[in-house]
Amino acid sequence: MSTPVDDDLWSAIGDPTRRTMIDLLLASGPGTATSLSASLPVTRQAVSKHLAVLDRVGLVHAEPAGRERRYRVDEAQLARAVAQLAAVGATWDARLRRIKHIAETIQRSRTTTEGA
């Protein structure tokens, strides 16, 4: 696999609430913890904590907006995450093809042995 996997990035993306927050920010543009909490079944404080995790791994960036912070998705970092996912998927596809080949070889061997 040529693209290294960033475990912190995937740990952040692994949470369903954070994925939903990214979806909301992509669909609606920059938002605050308050605006995001209106669309989520969690408190504003929980949204703030989730945003801090996303900010720490670079998936979102905050800009001051009055008393709040307005968050936007970092599309370059999101593209990096997509590339990592594609690389992991390709690696697993190759592993599964090897397993299938081994299983088919074993099956042919058994069929040949039983037929003899």
Protein backbone atom coordinates (compact mmCIF):
# COMPACT_ATOMS: atom_id res chain seq x y z
CA MET A 1 0.00 0.00 0.00
CA SER A 2 1.60 3.27 -1.09
CA THR A 3 -0.59 5.66 0.91
CA PRO A 4 0.18 5.51 4.63
CA VAL A 5 -2.84 5.26 6.89
CA ASP A 6 -3.29 8.01 9.47
CA ASP A 7 -4.84 6.25 12.47
CA ASP A 8 -5.78 9.53 14.18
CA LEU A 9 -7.59 10.68 11.06
CA TRP A 10 -9.53 7.42 10.80
CA SER A 11 -10.29 7.39 14.49
CA ALA A 12 -11.86 10.82 14.05
CA ILE A 13 -13.82 9.75 10.98
CA GLY A 14 -14.87 6.51 12.66
CA ASP A 15 -17.44 8.25 14.83
CA PRO A 16 -20.90 8.44 13.20
CA THR A 17 -21.69 11.84 14.73
CA ARG A 18 -18.48 13.32 13.34
CA ARG A 19 -19.20 11.84 9.90
CA THR A 20 -22.65 13.43 10.02
CA MET A 21 -21.09 16.74 11.01
CA ILE A 22 -18.74 16.56 8.02
CA ASP A 23 -21.72 15.78 5.77
CA LEU A 24 -23.63 18.77 7.17
CA LEU A 25 -20.68 21.10 6.67
CA LEU A 26 -20.17 19.87 3.12
CA ALA A 27 -23.86 20.26 2.28
CA SER A 28 -24.51 23.59 4.00
CA GLY A 29 -21.12 25.25 4.09
CA PRO A 30 -19.36 26.57 7.19
CA GLY A 31 -21.22 26.27 10.47
CA THR A 32 -20.92 26.81 14.18
CA ALA A 33 -21.32 24.36 17.03
CA THR A 34 -24.73 25.94 17.66
CA SER A 35 -25.92 25.60 14.07
CA LEU A 36 -24.67 22.01 13.83
CA SER A 37 -26.25 21.01 17.14
CA ALA A 38 -29.65 22.04 15.76
CA SER A 39 -29.34 19.20 13.22
CA LEU A 40 -27.89 16.57 15.54
CA PRO A 41 -29.25 14.56 18.47
CA VAL A 42 -26.42 15.78 20.75
CA THR A 43 -25.80 18.89 22.80
CA ARG A 44 -23.87 21.93 21.63
CA GLN A 45 -21.12 20.99 24.10
CA ALA A 46 -20.85 17.52 22.55
CA VAL A 47 -20.71 19.08 19.08
CA SER A 48 -17.90 21.36 20.26
CA LYS A 49 -15.93 18.37 21.50
CA HIS A 50 -16.46 16.51 18.22
CA LEU A 51 -15.39 19.61 16.28
CA ALA A 52 -12.22 19.82 18.39
CA VAL A 53 -11.36 16.23 17.36
CA LEU A 54 -12.01 17.00 13.69
CA ASP A 55 -9.96 20.19 13.97
CA ARG A 56 -7.04 18.37 15.63
CA VAL A 57 -6.74 15.96 12.66
CA GLY A 58 -7.19 18.77 10.15
CA LEU A 59 -10.56 17.74 8.72
CA VAL A 60 -12.11 21.05 9.71
CA HIS A 61 -10.70 24.50 10.38
CA ALA A 62 -12.22 27.17 12.57
CA GLU A 63 -12.43 30.90 12.02
CA PRO A 64 -13.68 33.32 14.68
CA ALA A 65 -17.25 34.48 14.07
CA GLY A 66 -18.25 36.84 16.85
CA ARG A 67 -18.46 34.86 20.08
CA GLU A 68 -18.40 31.55 18.21
CA ARG A 69 -16.14 29.79 15.78
CA ARG A 70 -17.26 28.97 12.24
CA TYR A 71 -16.02 25.59 11.03
CA ARG A 72 -15.42 24.54 7.44
CA VAL A 73 -14.24 21.25 5.97
CA ASP A 74 -10.65 21.11 4.75
CA GLU A 75 -11.24 19.55 1.35
CA ALA A 76 -7.55 18.67 0.86
CA GLN A 77 -7.51 16.69 4.10
CA LEU A 78 -10.81 15.04 3.17
CA ALA A 79 -9.30 14.07 -0.20
CA ARG A 80 -6.34 12.60 1.70
CA ALA A 81 -8.76 10.51 3.76
CA VAL A 82 -10.51 9.32 0.59
CA ALA A 83 -7.13 8.32 -0.92
CA GLN A 84 -6.28 6.38 2.22
CA LEU A 85 -9.63 4.58 2.13
CA ALA A 86 -9.13 3.70 -1.52
CA ALA A 87 -5.65 2.34 -0.77
CA VAL A 88 -6.92 0.25 2.14
CA GLY A 89 -9.76 -1.05 -0.05
CA ALA A 90 -7.32 -2.00 -2.82
CA THR A 91 -5.10 -3.81 -0.32
CA TRP A 92 -8.05 -5.80 1.02
CA ASP A 93 -9.26 -6.59 -2.50
CA ALA A 94 -5.83 -8.05 -3.27
CA ARG A 95 -5.86 -10.08 -0.04
CA LEU A 96 -9.32 -11.43 -0.80
CA ARG A 97 -8.26 -12.40 -4.34
CA ARG A 98 -5.32 -14.35 -2.86
CA ILE A 99 -7.61 -16.09 -0.36
CA LYS A 100 -10.04 -16.98 -3.15
CA HIS A 101 -7.18 -18.38 -5.23
CA ILE A 102 -5.96 -20.50 -2.30
CA ALA A 103 -9.49 -21.78 -1.62
CA GLU A 104 -10.01 -22.66 -5.29
CA THR A 105 -6.64 -24.46 -5.38
CA ILE A 106 -7.60 -26.47 -2.29
CA GLN A 107 -11.01 -27.29 -3.80
CA ARG A 108 -9.44 -28.46 -7.08
CA SER A 109 -6.95 -30.55 -5.13
CA ARG A 110 -9.77 -32.20 -3.16
CA THR A 111 -11.80 -32.82 -6.31
CA THR A 112 -8.79 -34.39 -8.03
CA THR A 113 -8.03 -36.56 -4.98
CA GLU A 114 -11.66 -37.71 -4.60
CA GLY A 115 -11.93 -38.53 -8.30
CA ALA A 116 -8.82 -40.73 -8.27
